[in-house]
C-alpha atoms as a PDB file:
ATOM      1  CA  UNK A   1    -110.515-128.659  65.916  1.00  0.00           C
ATOM      2  CA  UNK A   2    -107.802-131.268  65.518  1.00  0.00           C
ATOM      3  CA  UNK A   3    -107.402-131.724  69.282  1.00  0.00           C
ATOM      4  CA  UNK A   4    -111.129-132.363  69.590  1.00  0.00           C
ATOM      5  CA  UNK A   5    -110.910-134.831  66.712  1.00  0.00           C
ATOM      6  CA  UNK A   6    -108.050-136.704  68.414  1.00  0.00           C
ATOM      7  CA  UNK A   7    -110.093-136.840  71.614  1.00  0.00           C
ATOM      8  CA  UNK A   8    -113.071-138.287  69.722  1.00  0.00           C
ATOM      9  CA  UNK A   9    -110.738-140.967  68.343  1.00  0.00           C
ATOM     10  CA  UNK A  10    -109.760-141.938  71.883  1.00  0.00           C
ATOM     11  CA  UNK A  11    -106.430-140.125  72.250  1.00  0.00           C
ATOM     12  CA  UNK A  12    -105.306-137.550  74.802  1.00  0.00           C
ATOM     13  CA  UNK A  13    -104.316-134.263  73.164  1.00  0.00           C
ATOM     14  CA  UNK A  14    -102.206-131.386  74.469  1.00  0.00           C
ATOM     15  CA  UNK A  15    -102.252-128.096  72.554  1.00  0.00           C
ATOM     16  CA  UNK A  16     -98.920-126.258  72.517  1.00  0.00           C
ATOM     17  CA  UNK A  17     -98.877-122.461  72.348  1.00  0.00           C
ATOM     18  CA  UNK A  18     -95.437-121.663  70.948  1.00  0.00           C
ATOM     19  CA  UNK A  19     -96.056-117.925  70.747  1.00  0.00           C
ATOM     20  CA  UNK A  20     -97.649-116.296  73.806  1.00  0.00           C
ATOM     21  CA  UNK A  21     -94.773-116.726  76.283  1.00  0.00           C
ATOM     22  CA  UNK A  22     -92.379-115.531  73.579  1.00  0.00           C
ATOM     23  CA  UNK A  23     -94.525-112.390  72.988  1.00  0.00           C
ATOM     24  CA  UNK A  24     -95.118-113.312  69.345  1.00  0.00           C
ATOM     25  CA  UNK A  25     -98.191-111.908  67.628  1.00  0.00           C
ATOM     26  CA  UNK A  26    -100.329-113.771  65.041  1.00  0.00           C
ATOM     27  CA  UNK A  27     -98.549-114.165  61.726  1.00  0.00           C
ATOM     28  CA  UNK A  28     -98.945-115.840  58.361  1.00  0.00           C
ATOM     29  CA  UNK A  29     -96.702-116.421  55.405  1.00  0.00           C
ATOM     30  CA  UNK A  30     -93.335-115.769  57.009  1.00  0.00           C
ATOM     31  CA  UNK A  31     -90.861-117.145  59.482  1.00  0.00           C
ATOM     32  CA  UNK A  32     -91.002-115.511  62.896  1.00  0.00           C
ATOM     33  CA  UNK A  33     -87.563-114.389  64.028  1.00  0.00           C
ATOM     34  CA  UNK A  34     -87.796-115.196  67.766  1.00  0.00           C
ATOM     35  CA  UNK A  35     -89.375-118.603  67.029  1.00  0.00           C
ATOM     36  CA  UNK A  36     -87.256-121.092  65.112  1.00  0.00           C
ATOM     37  CA  UNK A  37     -88.088-124.660  64.089  1.00  0.00           C
ATOM     38  CA  UNK A  38     -85.602-125.704  66.794  1.00  0.00           C
ATOM     39  CA  UNK A  39     -87.664-123.832  69.401  1.00  0.00           C
ATOM     40  CA  UNK A  40     -90.793-125.663  68.284  1.00  0.00           C
ATOM     41  CA  UNK A  41     -88.974-129.001  68.442  1.00  0.00           C
ATOM     42  CA  UNK A  42     -87.802-128.189  71.962  1.00  0.00           C
ATOM     43  CA  UNK A  43     -91.417-127.430  72.899  1.00  0.00           C
ATOM     44  CA  UNK A  44     -92.553-130.770  71.431  1.00  0.00           C
ATOM     45  CA  UNK A  45     -89.936-132.643  73.435  1.00  0.00           C
ATOM     46  CA  UNK A  46     -90.622-130.766  76.685  1.00  0.00           C
ATOM     47  CA  UNK A  47     -94.339-131.503  76.397  1.00  0.00           C
ATOM     48  CA  UNK A  48     -93.668-135.169  75.557  1.00  0.00           C
ATOM     49  CA  UNK A  49     -91.480-135.435  78.656  1.00  0.00           C
ATOM     50  CA  UNK A  50     -94.297-133.946  80.740  1.00  0.00           C
ATOM     51  CA  UNK A  51     -96.968-136.144  79.131  1.00  0.00           C
ATOM     52  CA  UNK A  52     -95.002-139.271  80.015  1.00  0.00           C
ATOM     53  CA  UNK A  53     -95.185-138.348  83.713  1.00  0.00           C
ATOM     54  CA  UNK A  54     -98.981-138.051  83.718  1.00  0.00           C
ATOM     55  CA  UNK A  55    -101.208-140.734  85.214  1.00  0.00           C
ATOM     56  CA  UNK A  56    -103.560-140.588  82.217  1.00  0.00           C
ATOM     57  CA  UNK A  57    -100.786-141.379  79.729  1.00  0.00           C
ATOM     58  CA  UNK A  58     -99.809-144.796  78.470  1.00  0.00           C
ATOM     59  CA  UNK A  59     -98.048-145.942  75.333  1.00  0.00           C
ATOM     60  CA  UNK A  60     -96.502-143.796  72.619  1.00  0.00           C
ATOM     61  CA  UNK A  61     -96.445-140.068  71.932  1.00  0.00           C
ATOM     62  CA  UNK A  62     -97.323-138.573  68.560  1.00  0.00           C
ATOM     63  CA  UNK A  63     -96.536-135.011  67.554  1.00  0.00           C
ATOM     64  CA  UNK A  64     -98.812-133.175  65.112  1.00  0.00           C
ATOM     65  CA  UNK A  65     -97.995-129.835  63.505  1.00  0.00           C
ATOM     66  CA  UNK A  66     -99.627-127.545  60.968  1.00  0.00           C
ATOM     67  CA  UNK A  67     -97.757-125.352  58.465  1.00  0.00           C
ATOM     68  CA  UNK A  68     -94.714-123.947  60.340  1.00  0.00           C
ATOM     69  CA  UNK A  69     -95.523-126.410  63.121  1.00  0.00           C
ATOM     70  CA  UNK A  70     -95.498-129.153  60.497  1.00  0.00           C
ATOM     71  CA  UNK A  71     -92.096-127.963  59.337  1.00  0.00           C
ATOM     72  CA  UNK A  72     -90.844-128.456  62.905  1.00  0.00           C
ATOM     73  CA  UNK A  73     -92.421-131.926  63.043  1.00  0.00           C
ATOM     74  CA  UNK A  74     -90.448-132.841  59.918  1.00  0.00           C
ATOM     75  CA  UNK A  75     -87.305-131.404  61.547  1.00  0.00           C
ATOM     76  CA  UNK A  76     -87.884-133.478  64.690  1.00  0.00           C
ATOM     77  CA  UNK A  77     -88.227-136.622  62.578  1.00  0.00           C
ATOM     78  CA  UNK A  78     -84.831-136.063  60.967  1.00  0.00           C
ATOM     79  CA  UNK A  79     -82.156-138.446  62.330  1.00  0.00           C
ATOM     80  CA  UNK A  80     -79.563-135.761  61.591  1.00  0.00           C
ATOM     81  CA  UNK A  81     -81.297-133.314  63.933  1.00  0.00           C
ATOM     82  CA  UNK A  82     -79.902-133.845  67.427  1.00  0.00           C
ATOM     83  CA  UNK A  83     -79.891-130.237  68.591  1.00  0.00           C
ATOM     84  CA  UNK A  84     -83.214-130.373  70.389  1.00  0.00           C
ATOM     85  CA  UNK A  85     -83.787-130.515  74.132  1.00  0.00           C
ATOM     86  CA  UNK A  86     -81.339-133.124  75.552  1.00  0.00           C
ATOM     87  CA  UNK A  87     -80.172-133.933  72.009  1.00  0.00           C
ATOM     88  CA  UNK A  88     -80.890-137.387  70.603  1.00  0.00           C
ATOM     89  CA  UNK A  89     -82.039-138.579  74.032  1.00  0.00           C
ATOM     90  CA  UNK A  90     -84.756-135.902  74.130  1.00  0.00           C
ATOM     91  CA  UNK A  91     -85.873-136.627  70.593  1.00  0.00           C
ATOM     92  CA  UNK A  92     -86.415-140.247  71.642  1.00  0.00           C
ATOM     93  CA  UNK A  93     -89.475-139.000  73.588  1.00  0.00           C
ATOM     94  CA  UNK A  94     -91.331-138.644  70.266  1.00  0.00           C
ATOM     95  CA  UNK A  95     -92.572-141.815  68.572  1.00  0.00           C
ATOM     96  CA  UNK A  96     -94.877-140.826  65.706  1.00  0.00           C
ATOM     97  CA  UNK A  97     -94.890-137.709  63.509  1.00  0.00           C
ATOM     98  CA  UNK A  98     -97.724-136.025  61.560  1.00  0.00           C
ATOM     99  CA  UNK A  99     -97.175-132.870  59.472  1.00  0.00           C
ATOM    100  CA  UNK A 100    -100.057-131.044  57.803  1.00  0.00           C
ATOM    101  CA  UNK A 101     -99.009-128.841  54.854  1.00  0.00           C
ATOM    102  CA  UNK A 102     -95.522-128.223  56.271  1.00  0.00           C
ATOM    103  CA  UNK A 103     -93.238-125.544  54.931  1.00  0.00           C
ATOM    104  CA  UNK A 104     -90.972-127.253  52.427  1.00  0.00           C
ATOM    105  CA  UNK A 105     -87.432-126.722  53.597  1.00  0.00           C
ATOM    106  CA  UNK A 106     -85.524-129.961  53.647  1.00  0.00           C
ATOM    107  CA  UNK A 107     -86.967-133.375  54.330  1.00  0.00           C
ATOM    108  CA  UNK A 108     -85.032-136.127  56.103  1.00  0.00           C
ATOM    109  CA  UNK A 109     -83.875-138.999  53.939  1.00  0.00           C
ATOM    110  CA  UNK A 110     -84.233-141.345  56.917  1.00  0.00           C
ATOM    111  CA  UNK A 111     -86.994-140.291  59.355  1.00  0.00           C
ATOM    112  CA  UNK A 112     -86.376-141.578  62.899  1.00  0.00           C
ATOM    113  CA  UNK A 113     -89.960-142.864  63.150  1.00  0.00           C
ATOM    114  CA  UNK A 114     -93.225-143.122  61.206  1.00  0.00           C
ATOM    115  CA  UNK A 115     -93.892-139.765  59.513  1.00  0.00           C
ATOM    116  CA  UNK A 116     -97.143-138.820  57.774  1.00  0.00           C
ATOM    117  CA  UNK A 117     -97.012-135.727  55.558  1.00  0.00           C
ATOM    118  CA  UNK A 118    -100.242-134.320  54.069  1.00  0.00           C
ATOM    119  CA  UNK A 119    -100.217-131.492  51.525  1.00  0.00           C
ATOM    120  CA  UNK A 120    -102.579-129.830  49.072  1.00  0.00           C
ATOM    121  CA  UNK A 121    -101.212-129.828  45.547  1.00  0.00           C
ATOM    122  CA  UNK A 122    -102.424-126.248  44.937  1.00  0.00           C
ATOM    123  CA  UNK A 123    -100.721-124.892  48.080  1.00  0.00           C
ATOM    124  CA  UNK A 124     -98.816-121.715  47.209  1.00  0.00           C
ATOM    125  CA  UNK A 125     -97.905-120.760  50.793  1.00  0.00           C
ATOM    126  CA  UNK A 126     -96.142-123.935  51.956  1.00  0.00           C
ATOM    127  CA  UNK A 127     -95.143-124.122  48.354  1.00  0.00           C
ATOM    128  CA  UNK A 128     -96.138-127.620  47.200  1.00  0.00           C
ATOM    129  CA  UNK A 129     -94.294-127.324  43.890  1.00  0.00           C
ATOM    130  CA  UNK A 130     -90.980-126.984  45.777  1.00  0.00           C
ATOM    131  CA  UNK A 131     -91.467-130.106  47.878  1.00  0.00           C
ATOM    132  CA  UNK A 132     -89.339-133.146  47.133  1.00  0.00           C
ATOM    133  CA  UNK A 133     -92.004-135.736  47.905  1.00  0.00           C
ATOM    134  CA  UNK A 134     -91.216-137.785  44.808  1.00  0.00           C
ATOM    135  CA  UNK A 135     -87.703-138.439  46.145  1.00  0.00           C
ATOM    136  CA  UNK A 136     -88.798-139.688  49.568  1.00  0.00           C
ATOM    137  CA  UNK A 137     -88.955-143.474  49.544  1.00  0.00           C
ATOM    138  CA  UNK A 138     -87.911-144.429  53.074  1.00  0.00           C
ATOM    139  CA  UNK A 139     -90.288-146.963  54.709  1.00  0.00           C
ATOM    140  CA  UNK A 140     -91.015-144.527  57.570  1.00  0.00           C
ATOM    141  CA  UNK A 141     -92.607-142.076  55.143  1.00  0.00           C
ATOM    142  CA  UNK A 142     -96.273-141.899  54.300  1.00  0.00           C
ATOM    143  CA  UNK A 143     -97.007-139.026  51.899  1.00  0.00           C
ATOM    144  CA  UNK A 144    -100.574-137.997  51.106  1.00  0.00           C
ATOM    145  CA  UNK A 145    -101.306-135.233  48.593  1.00  0.00           C
ATOM    146  CA  UNK A 146    -104.700-133.820  47.690  1.00  0.00           C
ATOM    147  CA  UNK A 147    -105.421-132.521  44.167  1.00  0.00           C
ATOM    148  CA  UNK A 148    -106.624-128.890  43.883  1.00  0.00           C
ATOM    149  CA  UNK A 149    -106.366-128.369  47.663  1.00  0.00           C
ATOM    150  CA  UNK A 150    -104.763-125.173  48.969  1.00  0.00           C
ATOM    151  CA  UNK A 151    -103.148-124.257  52.274  1.00  0.00           C
ATOM    152  CA  UNK A 152    -105.656-124.412  55.113  1.00  0.00           C
ATOM    153  CA  UNK A 153    -107.865-126.877  53.242  1.00  0.00           C
ATOM    154  CA  UNK A 154    -109.062-128.354  56.553  1.00  0.00           C
ATOM    155  CA  UNK A 155    -110.331-125.011  57.946  1.00  0.00           C
ATOM    156  CA  UNK A 156    -114.052-124.364  57.296  1.00  0.00           C
ATOM    157  CA  UNK A 157    -114.977-120.790  56.440  1.00  0.00           C
ATOM    158  CA  UNK A 158    -114.281-118.084  53.926  1.00  0.00           C
ATOM    159  CA  UNK A 159    -111.169-118.074  51.757  1.00  0.00           C
ATOM    160  CA  UNK A 160    -108.245-116.068  53.120  1.00  0.00           C
ATOM    161  CA  UNK A 161    -105.936-114.660  50.441  1.00  0.00           C
ATOM    162  CA  UNK A 162    -102.995-112.482  51.446  1.00  0.00           C
ATOM    163  CA  UNK A 163     -99.782-111.159  50.023  1.00  0.00           C
ATOM    164  CA  UNK A 164     -96.306-110.424  51.312  1.00  0.00           C
ATOM    165  CA  UNK A 165     -93.171-108.861  49.880  1.00  0.00           C
ATOM    166  CA  UNK A 166     -91.440-112.239  50.159  1.00  0.00           C
ATOM    167  CA  UNK A 167     -93.902-114.582  48.438  1.00  0.00           C
ATOM    168  CA  UNK A 168     -96.389-112.269  46.681  1.00  0.00           C
ATOM    169  CA  UNK A 169    -100.028-113.405  46.723  1.00  0.00           C
ATOM    170  CA  UNK A 170    -100.877-116.621  48.540  1.00  0.00           C
ATOM    171  CA  UNK A 171    -103.844-118.524  49.938  1.00  0.00           C
ATOM    172  CA  UNK A 172    -103.553-119.013  53.694  1.00  0.00           C
ATOM    173  CA  UNK A 173    -106.914-120.786  53.965  1.00  0.00           C
ATOM    174  CA  UNK A 174    -109.306-122.247  51.416  1.00  0.00           C
ATOM    175  CA  UNK A 175    -111.611-124.969  52.670  1.00  0.00           C
ATOM    176  CA  UNK A 176    -111.839-128.149  50.625  1.00  0.00           C
ATOM    177  CA  UNK A 177    -114.353-130.554  52.166  1.00  0.00           C
ATOM    178  CA  UNK A 178    -113.130-133.547  50.167  1.00  0.00           C
ATOM    179  CA  UNK A 179    -109.450-133.009  51.023  1.00  0.00           C
ATOM    180  CA  UNK A 180    -110.315-132.260  54.648  1.00  0.00           C
ATOM    181  CA  UNK A 181    -112.331-135.470  55.034  1.00  0.00           C
ATOM    182  CA  UNK A 182    -109.579-137.497  53.378  1.00  0.00           C
ATOM    183  CA  UNK A 183    -106.904-135.960  55.625  1.00  0.00           C
ATOM    184  CA  UNK A 184    -108.963-136.883  58.697  1.00  0.00           C
ATOM    185  CA  UNK A 185    -109.275-140.448  57.452  1.00  0.00           C
ATOM    186  CA  UNK A 186    -105.581-140.639  56.543  1.00  0.00           C
ATOM    187  CA  UNK A 187    -104.523-139.303  59.944  1.00  0.00           C
ATOM    188  CA  UNK A 188    -106.796-141.616  61.885  1.00  0.00           C
ATOM    189  CA  UNK A 189    -105.583-144.682  59.963  1.00  0.00           C
ATOM    190  CA  UNK A 190    -101.942-143.643  60.446  1.00  0.00           C
ATOM    191  CA  UNK A 191    -102.359-143.151  64.198  1.00  0.00           C
ATOM    192  CA  UNK A 192    -104.220-146.435  64.601  1.00  0.00           C
ATOM    193  CA  UNK A 193    -101.413-148.214  62.790  1.00  0.00           C
ATOM    194  CA  UNK A 194     -98.486-146.621  64.625  1.00  0.00           C
ATOM    195  CA  UNK A 195     -99.738-145.558  68.052  1.00  0.00           C
ATOM    196  CA  UNK A 196    -101.594-148.733  68.863  1.00  0.00           C
ATOM    197  CA  UNK A 197     -98.882-151.099  67.648  1.00  0.00           C
ATOM    198  CA  UNK A 198     -96.526-152.526  70.278  1.00  0.00           C
END
């Protein structure tokens, strides 16, 4: 859905499948052992390198990730993180960062480029209450939070509530039309500001 939205806004979009070639099955609510945030970052960089060789590409490259993918986007934006593909040189392939309800591990104090983070305030999977958004005041940050919105607020359909031994009961998807519409607007404005600027 997001790739189609980006296309409608006039951007090229490439969807990355982090799991199939690594023989990883669908999962929710846990880290997947063979797939680390570093692996996802390496995938982002490899795709950005490929994109920049394509005749249809011009300008900057944005990376967009959801949940665990958003966690990796935040990791890629961290100036301290130079362990990705080709180290700091590889990370330079990424220009703009967008994370949708990322898992709240640690956030960079100084993101290497413009970073938009969007999160529902009722999210109990990517646990909003544990996020340190109030401490992030670097000019590269743009933080958008949505009252009463859960994880998966942008996904139309029935609520999905699950539980695991690690985090008990959690909502993996609960559609919130107002939060979804606002996140679309926030993302579009952010991309227009940072992808189209010289």
